Amino acid sequence: MDHIAIMRNFWGLTDKILNGRKEIESRWYSIKYKPWDCIKEGEVIYFKDSDEPVKLKAEVNKVIQFADLTPNRMKEILDEYGDDDGLEKEKIPEFFEKFKDNK
């Protein structure tokens, strides 16, 4: 199955994917909707910035899902995966504040 990931332009995420700075795509939803339990290893994701055409194509290498997150668990996930998700270390606290209430 193919998937499309629409990225926020102002975060510059597709550029981070292109230059190898971002190797993980994460979704911090408070409600488990697609692609939760729908995306599998070997499938294809097309990436695009909002209001722009598709820019990138990638194959899913691995899927990890986390549920029922507490603030402490979110911090652990960000510490472990934040760099590969394209987050600069100094930006992790700001990112955490934006998404800490998504459980």
PDB file of N, CA and C in Angstrom:
ATOM      1  N   MET A   1       0.846  -1.181   0.000  1.00  0.00           N
ATOM      2  CA  MET A   1       0.000   0.000   0.000  1.00  0.00           C
ATOM      3  C   MET A   1       0.890   1.243   0.000  1.00  0.00           C
ATOM      4  N   ASP A   2       0.441   2.252  -0.682  1.00  0.00           N
ATOM      5  CA  ASP A   2       1.152   3.524  -0.704  1.00  0.00           C
ATOM      6  C   ASP A   2       0.482   4.505   0.255  1.00  0.00           C
ATOM      7  N   HIS A   3       1.278   5.396   0.806  1.00  0.00           N
ATOM      8  CA  HIS A   3       0.803   6.404   1.756  1.00  0.00           C
ATOM      9  C   HIS A   3       1.352   7.760   1.340  1.00  0.00           C
ATOM     10  N   ILE A   4       0.672   8.803   1.764  1.00  0.00           N
ATOM     11  CA  ILE A   4       1.187  10.150   1.529  1.00  0.00           C
ATOM     12  C   ILE A   4       1.286  10.867   2.867  1.00  0.00           C
ATOM     13  N   ALA A   5       2.418  11.497   3.099  1.00  0.00           N
ATOM     14  CA  ALA A   5       2.649  12.266   4.329  1.00  0.00           C
ATOM     15  C   ALA A   5       2.724  13.737   3.943  1.00  0.00           C
ATOM     16  N   ILE A   6       1.816  14.516   4.494  1.00  0.00           N
ATOM     17  CA  ILE A   6       1.796  15.951   4.221  1.00  0.00           C
ATOM     18  C   ILE A   6       2.516  16.650   5.366  1.00  0.00           C
ATOM     19  N   MET A   7       3.564  17.354   5.015  1.00  0.00           N
ATOM     20  CA  MET A   7       4.440  17.981   6.001  1.00  0.00           C
ATOM     21  C   MET A   7       4.175  19.485   6.075  1.00  0.00           C
ATOM     22  N   ARG A   8       4.419  20.052   7.232  1.00  0.00           N
ATOM     23  CA  ARG A   8       4.290  21.500   7.397  1.00  0.00           C
ATOM     24  C   ARG A   8       5.500  22.186   6.772  1.00  0.00           C
ATOM     25  N   ASN A   9       5.228  23.082   5.856  1.00  0.00           N
ATOM     26  CA  ASN A   9       6.312  23.774   5.133  1.00  0.00           C
ATOM     27  C   ASN A   9       7.309  24.436   6.075  1.00  0.00           C
ATOM     28  N   PHE A  10       6.802  25.156   7.060  1.00  0.00           N
ATOM     29  CA  PHE A  10       7.672  25.988   7.902  1.00  0.00           C
ATOM     30  C   PHE A  10       8.599  25.184   8.802  1.00  0.00           C
ATOM     31  N   TRP A  11       8.399  23.880   8.918  1.00  0.00           N
ATOM     32  CA  TRP A  11       9.319  23.066   9.710  1.00  0.00           C
ATOM     33  C   TRP A  11      10.495  22.574   8.870  1.00  0.00           C
ATOM     34  N   GLY A  12      10.408  22.670   7.558  1.00  0.00           N
ATOM     35  CA  GLY A  12      11.510  22.260   6.685  1.00  0.00           C
ATOM     36  C   GLY A  12      11.822  20.773   6.726  1.00  0.00           C
ATOM     37  N   LEU A  13      10.813  19.946   6.978  1.00  0.00           N
ATOM     38  CA  LEU A  13      11.058  18.516   7.178  1.00  0.00           C
ATOM     39  C   LEU A  13      11.443  17.776   5.902  1.00  0.00           C
ATOM     40  N   THR A  14      10.826  18.121   4.776  1.00  0.00           N
ATOM     41  CA  THR A  14      11.197  17.408   3.549  1.00  0.00           C
ATOM     42  C   THR A  14      12.648  17.699   3.175  1.00  0.00           C
ATOM     43  N   ASP A  15      13.111  18.904   3.419  1.00  0.00           N
ATOM     44  CA  ASP A  15      14.527  19.208   3.170  1.00  0.00           C
ATOM     45  C   ASP A  15      15.432  18.400   4.095  1.00  0.00           C
ATOM     46  N   LYS A  16      14.999  18.209   5.345  1.00  0.00           N
ATOM     47  CA  LYS A  16      15.793  17.400   6.280  1.00  0.00           C
ATOM     48  C   LYS A  16      15.849  15.943   5.828  1.00  0.00           C
ATOM     49  N   ILE A  17      14.759  15.450   5.235  1.00  0.00           N
ATOM     50  CA  ILE A  17      14.761  14.084   4.705  1.00  0.00           C
ATOM     51  C   ILE A  17      15.733  14.000   3.526  1.00  0.00           C
ATOM     52  N   LEU A  18      15.648  14.972   2.638  1.00  0.00           N
ATOM     53  CA  LEU A  18      16.516  14.994   1.450  1.00  0.00           C
ATOM     54  C   LEU A  18      17.998  15.008   1.794  1.00  0.00           C
ATOM     55  N   ASN A  19      18.368  15.776   2.830  1.00  0.00           N
ATOM     56  CA  ASN A  19      19.795  15.881   3.163  1.00  0.00           C
ATOM     57  C   ASN A  19      20.239  14.849   4.205  1.00  0.00           C
ATOM     58  N   GLY A  20      19.352  13.893   4.536  1.00  0.00           N
ATOM     59  CA  GLY A  20      19.725  12.811   5.445  1.00  0.00           C
ATOM     60  C   GLY A  20      19.670  13.169   6.916  1.00  0.00           C
ATOM     61  N   ARG A  21      19.213  14.349   7.246  1.00  0.00           N
ATOM     62  CA  ARG A  21      19.130  14.800   8.643  1.00  0.00           C
ATOM     63  C   ARG A  21      17.927  14.192   9.366  1.00  0.00           C
ATOM     64  N   LYS A  22      16.928  13.753   8.598  1.00  0.00           N
ATOM     65  CA  LYS A  22      15.710  13.163   9.165  1.00  0.00           C
ATOM     66  C   LYS A  22      15.516  11.783   8.549  1.00  0.00           C
ATOM     67  N   GLU A  23      15.571  10.741   9.386  1.00  0.00           N
ATOM     68  CA  GLU A  23      15.429   9.364   8.920  1.00  0.00           C
ATOM     69  C   GLU A  23      14.179   8.692   9.468  1.00  0.00           C
ATOM     70  N   ILE A  24      13.506   9.362  10.387  1.00  0.00           N
ATOM     71  CA  ILE A  24      12.304   8.826  11.027  1.00  0.00           C
ATOM     72  C   ILE A  24      11.169   9.815  10.803  1.00  0.00           C
ATOM     73  N   GLU A  25       9.994   9.285  10.529  1.00  0.00           N
ATOM     74  CA  GLU A  25       8.803  10.139  10.487  1.00  0.00           C
ATOM     75  C   GLU A  25       7.946   9.777  11.693  1.00  0.00           C
ATOM     76  N   SER A  26       7.575  10.766  12.460  1.00  0.00           N
ATOM     77  CA  SER A  26       6.753  10.526  13.645  1.00  0.00           C
ATOM     78  C   SER A  26       5.468  11.322  13.536  1.00  0.00           C
ATOM     79  N   ARG A  27       4.435  10.773  14.121  1.00  0.00           N
ATOM     80  CA  ARG A  27       3.142  11.450  14.188  1.00  0.00           C
ATOM     81  C   ARG A  27       2.709  11.439  15.644  1.00  0.00           C
ATOM     82  N   TRP A  28       2.469  12.612  16.183  1.00  0.00           N
ATOM     83  CA  TRP A  28       2.138  12.768  17.603  1.00  0.00           C
ATOM     84  C   TRP A  28       0.656  13.091  17.749  1.00  0.00           C
ATOM     85  N   TYR A  29      -0.187  12.139  17.345  1.00  0.00           N
ATOM     86  CA  TYR A  29      -1.632  12.327  17.394  1.00  0.00           C
ATOM     87  C   TYR A  29      -2.180  12.013  18.776  1.00  0.00           C
ATOM     88  N   SER A  30      -3.215  12.728  19.160  1.00  0.00           N
ATOM     89  CA  SER A  30      -3.909  12.384  20.400  1.00  0.00           C
ATOM     90  C   SER A  30      -4.959  11.309  20.125  1.00  0.00           C
ATOM     91  N   ILE A  31      -5.371  11.169  18.872  1.00  0.00           N
ATOM     92  CA  ILE A  31      -6.329  10.148  18.460  1.00  0.00           C
ATOM     93  C   ILE A  31      -5.619   9.235  17.459  1.00  0.00           C
ATOM     94  N   LYS A  32      -5.820   7.944  17.598  1.00  0.00           N
ATOM     95  CA  LYS A  32      -5.127   6.975  16.740  1.00  0.00           C
ATOM     96  C   LYS A  32      -5.865   6.806  15.416  1.00  0.00           C
ATOM     97  N   TYR A  33      -5.606   7.700  14.474  1.00  0.00           N
ATOM     98  CA  TYR A  33      -6.163   7.534  13.145  1.00  0.00           C
ATOM     99  C   TYR A  33      -5.027   7.277  12.169  1.00  0.00           C
ATOM    100  N   LYS A  34      -5.383   6.939  10.933  1.00  0.00           N
ATOM    101  CA  LYS A  34      -4.378   6.543   9.955  1.00  0.00           C
ATOM    102  C   LYS A  34      -3.204   7.509   9.946  1.00  0.00           C
ATOM    103  N   PRO A  35      -2.008   6.965   9.906  1.00  0.00           N
ATOM    104  CA  PRO A  35      -1.633   5.607   9.526  1.00  0.00           C
ATOM    105  C   PRO A  35      -1.523   4.607  10.686  1.00  0.00           C
ATOM    106  N   TRP A  36      -2.030   4.917  11.881  1.00  0.00           N
ATOM    107  CA  TRP A  36      -1.956   4.002  13.024  1.00  0.00           C
ATOM    108  C   TRP A  36      -2.479   2.627  12.615  1.00  0.00           C
ATOM    109  N   ASP A  37      -1.691   1.604  12.837  1.00  0.00           N
ATOM    110  CA  ASP A  37      -2.007   0.206  12.514  1.00  0.00           C
ATOM    111  C   ASP A  37      -2.272  -0.043  11.030  1.00  0.00           C
ATOM    112  N   CYS A  38      -1.932   0.895  10.166  1.00  0.00           N
ATOM    113  CA  CYS A  38      -2.185   0.733   8.725  1.00  0.00           C
ATOM    114  C   CYS A  38      -0.911   0.706   7.905  1.00  0.00           C
ATOM    115  N   ILE A  39       0.181   1.135   8.456  1.00  0.00           N
ATOM    116  CA  ILE A  39       1.421   1.225   7.684  1.00  0.00           C
ATOM    117  C   ILE A  39       2.350   0.081   8.085  1.00  0.00           C
ATOM    118  N   LYS A  40       2.930  -0.545   7.089  1.00  0.00           N
ATOM    119  CA  LYS A  40       3.743  -1.741   7.327  1.00  0.00           C
ATOM    120  C   LYS A  40       5.111  -1.608   6.662  1.00  0.00           C
ATOM    121  N   GLU A  41       6.045  -2.375   7.175  1.00  0.00           N
ATOM    122  CA  GLU A  41       7.385  -2.442   6.583  1.00  0.00           C
ATOM    123  C   GLU A  41       7.279  -2.821   5.110  1.00  0.00           C
ATOM    124  N   GLY A  42       8.072  -2.149   4.275  1.00  0.00           N
ATOM    125  CA  GLY A  42       8.091  -2.428   2.847  1.00  0.00           C
ATOM    126  C   GLY A  42       7.129  -1.577   2.031  1.00  0.00           C
ATOM    127  N   GLU A  43       6.199  -0.895   2.692  1.00  0.00           N
ATOM    128  CA  GLU A  43       5.274  -0.027   1.968  1.00  0.00           C
ATOM    129  C   GLU A  43       5.967   1.284   1.595  1.00  0.00           C
ATOM    130  N   VAL A  44       5.302   2.068   0.763  1.00  0.00           N
ATOM    131  CA  VAL A  44       5.883   3.303   0.243  1.00  0.00           C
ATOM    132  C   VAL A  44       5.165   4.514   0.834  1.00  0.00           C
ATOM    133  N   ILE A  45       5.959   5.521   1.198  1.00  0.00           N
ATOM    134  CA  ILE A  45       5.415   6.804   1.648  1.00  0.00           C
ATOM    135  C   ILE A  45       5.895   7.873   0.678  1.00  0.00           C
ATOM    136  N   TYR A  46       4.960   8.678   0.212  1.00  0.00           N
ATOM    137  CA  TYR A  46       5.276   9.856  -0.593  1.00  0.00           C
ATOM    138  C   TYR A  46       5.172  11.061   0.329  1.00  0.00           C
ATOM    139  N   PHE A  47       6.191  11.897   0.317  1.00  0.00           N
ATOM    140  CA  PHE A  47       6.226  13.077   1.177  1.00  0.00           C
ATOM    141  C   PHE A  47       6.008  14.334   0.350  1.00  0.00           C
ATOM    142  N   LYS A  48       5.210  15.242   0.899  1.00  0.00           N
ATOM    143  CA  LYS A  48       4.998  16.529   0.254  1.00  0.00           C
ATOM    144  C   LYS A  48       4.816  17.591   1.317  1.00  0.00           C
ATOM    145  N   ASP A  49       5.243  18.788   0.998  1.00  0.00           N
ATOM    146  CA  ASP A  49       4.928  19.922   1.854  1.00  0.00           C
ATOM    147  C   ASP A  49       3.493  20.333   1.544  1.00  0.00           C
ATOM    148  N   SER A  50       2.800  20.880   2.534  1.00  0.00           N
ATOM    149  CA  SER A  50       1.427  21.318   2.295  1.00  0.00           C
ATOM    150  C   SER A  50       1.417  22.339   1.162  1.00  0.00           C
ATOM    151  N   ASP A  51       0.395  22.269   0.337  1.00  0.00           N
ATOM    152  CA  ASP A  51       0.221  23.163  -0.820  1.00  0.00           C
ATOM    153  C   ASP A  51       1.317  23.017  -1.874  1.00  0.00           C
ATOM    154  N   GLU A  52       2.007  21.882  -1.895  1.00  0.00           N
ATOM    155  CA  GLU A  52       3.059  21.651  -2.893  1.00  0.00           C
ATOM    156  C   GLU A  52       2.892  20.233  -3.448  1.00  0.00           C
ATOM    157  N   PRO A  53       3.479  19.950  -4.597  1.00  0.00           N
ATOM    158  CA  PRO A  53       3.409  18.585  -5.135  1.00  0.00           C
ATOM    159  C   PRO A  53       4.308  17.631  -4.339  1.00  0.00           C
ATOM    160  N   VAL A  54       4.128  16.345  -4.582  1.00  0.00           N
ATOM    161  CA  VAL A  54       4.960  15.329  -3.935  1.00  0.00           C
ATOM    162  C   VAL A  54       6.420  15.597  -4.268  1.00  0.00           C
ATOM    163  N   LYS A  55       7.255  15.479  -3.232  1.00  0.00           N
ATOM    164  CA  LYS A  55       8.676  15.814  -3.368  1.00  0.00           C
ATOM    165  C   LYS A  55       9.575  14.582  -3.231  1.00  0.00           C
ATOM    166  N   LEU A  56       9.150  13.631  -2.397  1.00  0.00           N
ATOM    167  CA  LEU A  56      10.008  12.487  -2.063  1.00  0.00           C
ATOM    168  C   LEU A  56       9.217  11.191  -2.026  1.00  0.00           C
ATOM    169  N   LYS A  57       9.934  10.110  -2.212  1.00  0.00           N
ATOM    170  CA  LYS A  57       9.371   8.768  -2.092  1.00  0.00           C
ATOM    171  C   LYS A  57      10.326   7.963  -1.226  1.00  0.00           C
ATOM    172  N   ALA A  58       9.777   7.222  -0.262  1.00  0.00           N
ATOM    173  CA  ALA A  58      10.618   6.404   0.615  1.00  0.00           C
ATOM    174  C   ALA A  58       9.920   5.080   0.906  1.00  0.00           C
ATOM    175  N   GLU A  59      10.727   4.070   1.153  1.00  0.00           N
ATOM    176  CA  GLU A  59      10.191   2.773   1.557  1.00  0.00           C
ATOM    177  C   GLU A  59      10.288   2.655   3.071  1.00  0.00           C
ATOM    178  N   VAL A  60       9.231   2.132   3.683  1.00  0.00           N
ATOM    179  CA  VAL A  60       9.195   1.961   5.133  1.00  0.00           C
ATOM    180  C   VAL A  60      10.132   0.823   5.518  1.00  0.00           C
ATOM    181  N   ASN A  61      11.080   1.130   6.390  1.00  0.00           N
ATOM    182  CA  ASN A  61      12.057   0.150   6.850  1.00  0.00           C
ATOM    183  C   ASN A  61      11.588  -0.534   8.127  1.00  0.00           C
ATOM    184  N   LYS A  62      10.920   0.226   8.993  1.00  0.00           N
ATOM    185  CA  LYS A  62      10.515  -0.288  10.300  1.00  0.00           C
ATOM    186  C   LYS A  62       9.377   0.575  10.822  1.00  0.00           C
ATOM    187  N   VAL A  63       8.450  -0.038  11.552  1.00  0.00           N
ATOM    188  CA  VAL A  63       7.348   0.698  12.172  1.00  0.00           C
ATOM    189  C   VAL A  63       7.383   0.433  13.671  1.00  0.00           C
ATOM    190  N   ILE A  64       7.385   1.508  14.445  1.00  0.00           N
ATOM    191  CA  ILE A  64       7.293   1.424  15.903  1.00  0.00           C
ATOM    192  C   ILE A  64       6.142   2.319  16.321  1.00  0.00           C
ATOM    193  N   GLN A  65       5.242   1.799  17.133  1.00  0.00           N
ATOM    194  CA  GLN A  65       4.110   2.590  17.612  1.00  0.00           C
ATOM    195  C   GLN A  65       4.144   2.637  19.136  1.00  0.00           C
ATOM    196  N   PHE A  66       3.810   3.788  19.675  1.00  0.00           N
ATOM    197  CA  PHE A  66       3.736   3.978  21.116  1.00  0.00           C
ATOM    198  C   PHE A  66       2.342   4.492  21.454  1.00  0.00           C
ATOM    199  N   ALA A  67       1.733   3.925  22.487  1.00  0.00           N
ATOM    200  CA  ALA A  67       0.388   4.341  22.899  1.00  0.00           C
ATOM    201  C   ALA A  67       0.397   4.719  24.376  1.00  0.00           C
ATOM    202  N   ASP A  68      -0.663   5.408  24.778  1.00  0.00           N
ATOM    203  CA  ASP A  68      -0.858   5.775  26.188  1.00  0.00           C
ATOM    204  C   ASP A  68       0.380   6.447  26.768  1.00  0.00           C
ATOM    205  N   LEU A  69       0.835   7.463  26.092  1.00  0.00           N
ATOM    206  CA  LEU A  69       2.072   8.132  26.488  1.00  0.00           C
ATOM    207  C   LEU A  69       1.884   9.031  27.707  1.00  0.00           C
ATOM    208  N   THR A  70       2.838   8.950  28.588  1.00  0.00           N
ATOM    209  CA  THR A  70       2.930   9.885  29.704  1.00  0.00           C
ATOM    210  C   THR A  70       3.984  10.921  29.329  1.00  0.00           C
ATOM    211  N   PRO A  71       4.004  12.063  29.997  1.00  0.00           N
ATOM    212  CA  PRO A  71       5.057  13.036  29.702  1.00  0.00           C
ATOM    213  C   PRO A  71       6.466  12.443  29.838  1.00  0.00           C
ATOM    214  N   ASN A  72       6.690  11.623  30.854  1.00  0.00           N
ATOM    215  CA  ASN A  72       8.019  11.016  31.027  1.00  0.00           C
ATOM    216  C   ASN A  72       8.367  10.087  29.867  1.00  0.00           C
ATOM    217  N   ARG A  73       7.387   9.303  29.422  1.00  0.00           N
ATOM    218  CA  ARG A  73       7.639   8.384  28.308  1.00  0.00           C
ATOM    219  C   ARG A  73       7.899   9.171  27.022  1.00  0.00           C
ATOM    220  N   MET A  74       7.181  10.267  26.830  1.00  0.00           N
ATOM    221  CA  MET A  74       7.422  11.107  25.652  1.00  0.00           C
ATOM    222  C   MET A  74       8.844  11.651  25.660  1.00  0.00           C
ATOM    223  N   LYS A  75       9.309  12.087  26.820  1.00  0.00           N
ATOM    224  CA  LYS A  75      10.684  12.596  26.924  1.00  0.00           C
ATOM    225  C   LYS A  75      11.686  11.504  26.574  1.00  0.00           C
ATOM    226  N   GLU A  76      11.435  10.282  27.063  1.00  0.00           N
ATOM    227  CA  GLU A  76      12.328   9.162  26.749  1.00  0.00           C
ATOM    228  C   GLU A  76      12.370   8.900  25.237  1.00  0.00           C
ATOM    229  N   ILE A  77      11.208   8.919  24.596  1.00  0.00           N
ATOM    230  CA  ILE A  77      11.129   8.685  23.149  1.00  0.00           C
ATOM    231  C   ILE A  77      11.875   9.779  22.399  1.00  0.00           C
ATOM    232  N   LEU A  78      11.658  11.024  22.800  1.00  0.00           N
ATOM    233  CA  LEU A  78      12.344  12.143  22.143  1.00  0.00           C
ATOM    234  C   LEU A  78      13.850  12.074  22.350  1.00  0.00           C
ATOM    235  N   ASP A  79      14.274  11.689  23.544  1.00  0.00           N
ATOM    236  CA  ASP A  79      15.715  11.556  23.793  1.00  0.00           C
ATOM    237  C   ASP A  79      16.323  10.456  22.923  1.00  0.00           C
ATOM    238  N   GLU A  80      15.581   9.353  22.752  1.00  0.00           N
ATOM    239  CA  GLU A  80      16.106   8.224  21.983  1.00  0.00           C
ATOM    240  C   GLU A  80      16.035   8.447  20.470  1.00  0.00           C
ATOM    241  N   TYR A  81      14.932   9.005  19.997  1.00  0.00           N
ATOM    242  CA  TYR A  81      14.694   9.077  18.554  1.00  0.00           C
ATOM    243  C   TYR A  81      14.691  10.495  17.982  1.00  0.00           C
ATOM    244  N   GLY A  82      14.747  11.509  18.817  1.00  0.00           N
ATOM    245  CA  GLY A  82      14.626  12.893  18.348  1.00  0.00           C
ATOM    246  C   GLY A  82      15.621  13.276  17.275  1.00  0.00           C
ATOM    247  N   ASP A  83      16.869  12.891  17.445  1.00  0.00           N
ATOM    248  CA  ASP A  83      17.897  13.251  16.466  1.00  0.00           C
ATOM    249  C   ASP A  83      17.587  12.650  15.096  1.00  0.00           C
ATOM    250  N   ASP A  84      17.229  11.361  15.063  1.00  0.00           N
ATOM    251  CA  ASP A  84      16.896  10.703  13.796  1.00  0.00           C
ATOM    252  C   ASP A  84      15.588  11.222  13.204  1.00  0.00           C
ATOM    253  N   ASP A  85      14.771  11.867  14.046  1.00  0.00           N
ATOM    254  CA  ASP A  85      13.513  12.463  13.587  1.00  0.00           C
ATOM    255  C   ASP A  85      13.727  13.899  13.098  1.00  0.00           C
ATOM    256  N   GLY A  86      14.987  14.313  13.064  1.00  0.00           N
ATOM    257  CA  GLY A  86      15.319  15.633  12.534  1.00  0.00           C
ATOM    258  C   GLY A  86      15.220  16.764  13.533  1.00  0.00           C
ATOM    259  N   LEU A  87      15.115  16.424  14.815  1.00  0.00           N
ATOM    260  CA  LEU A  87      15.019  17.453  15.851  1.00  0.00           C
ATOM    261  C   LEU A  87      16.401  17.781  16.400  1.00  0.00           C
ATOM    262  N   GLU A  88      16.745  19.038  16.362  1.00  0.00           N
ATOM    263  CA  GLU A  88      17.988  19.461  16.997  1.00  0.00           C
ATOM    264  C   GLU A  88      17.808  19.325  18.506  1.00  0.00           C
ATOM    265  N   LYS A  89      18.854  18.910  19.191  1.00  0.00           N
ATOM    266  CA  LYS A  89      18.785  18.653  20.634  1.00  0.00           C
ATOM    267  C   LYS A  89      18.173  19.831  21.396  1.00  0.00           C
ATOM    268  N   GLU A  90      18.572  21.049  21.032  1.00  0.00           N
ATOM    269  CA  GLU A  90      18.073  22.225  21.753  1.00  0.00           C
ATOM    270  C   GLU A  90      16.599  22.519  21.448  1.00  0.00           C
ATOM    271  N   LYS A  91      16.034  21.903  20.399  1.00  0.00           N
ATOM    272  CA  LYS A  91      14.625  22.114  20.033  1.00  0.00           C
ATOM    273  C   LYS A  91      13.691  21.092  20.677  1.00  0.00           C
ATOM    274  N   ILE A  92      14.250  20.042  21.267  1.00  0.00           N
ATOM    275  CA  ILE A  92      13.420  18.987  21.845  1.00  0.00           C
ATOM    276  C   ILE A  92      12.496  19.518  22.941  1.00  0.00           C
ATOM    277  N   PRO A  93      12.951  20.365  23.876  1.00  0.00           N
ATOM    278  CA  PRO A  93      12.017  20.885  24.888  1.00  0.00           C
ATOM    279  C   PRO A  93      10.841  21.658  24.270  1.00  0.00           C
ATOM    280  N   GLU A  94      11.101  22.430  23.234  1.00  0.00           N
ATOM    281  CA  GLU A  94      10.038  23.181  22.553  1.00  0.00           C
ATOM    282  C   GLU A  94       9.050  22.218  21.883  1.00  0.00           C
ATOM    283  N   PHE A  95       9.567  21.188  21.224  1.00  0.00           N
ATOM    284  CA  PHE A  95       8.728  20.181  20.586  1.00  0.00           C
ATOM    285  C   PHE A  95       7.887  19.461  21.638  1.00  0.00           C
ATOM    286  N   PHE A  96       8.519  19.095  22.748  1.00  0.00           N
ATOM    287  CA  PHE A  96       7.819  18.420  23.838  1.00  0.00           C
ATOM    288  C   PHE A  96       6.654  19.274  24.330  1.00  0.00           C
ATOM    289  N   GLU A  97       6.867  20.554  24.534  1.00  0.00           N
ATOM    290  CA  GLU A  97       5.809  21.449  25.018  1.00  0.00           C
ATOM    291  C   GLU A  97       4.627  21.491  24.050  1.00  0.00           C
ATOM    292  N   LYS A  98       4.889  21.431  22.758  1.00  0.00           N
ATOM    293  CA  LYS A  98       3.816  21.473  21.757  1.00  0.00           C
ATOM    294  C   LYS A  98       2.955  20.218  21.787  1.00  0.00           C
ATOM    295  N   PHE A  99       3.563  19.078  22.078  1.00  0.00           N
ATOM    296  CA  PHE A  99       2.866  17.809  21.927  1.00  0.00           C
ATOM    297  C   PHE A  99       2.665  17.029  23.223  1.00  0.00           C
ATOM    298  N   LYS A 100       3.049  17.573  24.356  1.00  0.00           N
ATOM    299  CA  LYS A 100       2.998  16.813  25.613  1.00  0.00           C
ATOM    300  C   LYS A 100       1.591  16.388  26.014  1.00  0.00           C
ATOM    301  N   ASP A 101       0.573  17.091  25.557  1.00  0.00           N
ATOM    302  CA  ASP A 101      -0.792  16.737  25.931  1.00  0.00           C
ATOM    303  C   ASP A 101      -1.447  15.774  24.947  1.00  0.00           C
ATOM    304  N   ASN A 102      -0.738  15.387  23.892  1.00  0.00           N
ATOM    305  CA  ASN A 102      -1.241  14.374  22.958  1.00  0.00           C
ATOM    306  C   ASN A 102      -0.936  13.005  23.538  1.00  0.00           C
ATOM    307  N   LYS A 103      -1.963  12.278  23.878  1.00  0.00           N
ATOM    308  CA  LYS A 103      -1.765  10.970  24.514  1.00  0.00           C
ATOM    309  C   LYS A 103      -2.513   9.899  23.768  1.00  0.00           C
TER     310      LYS A 103
END
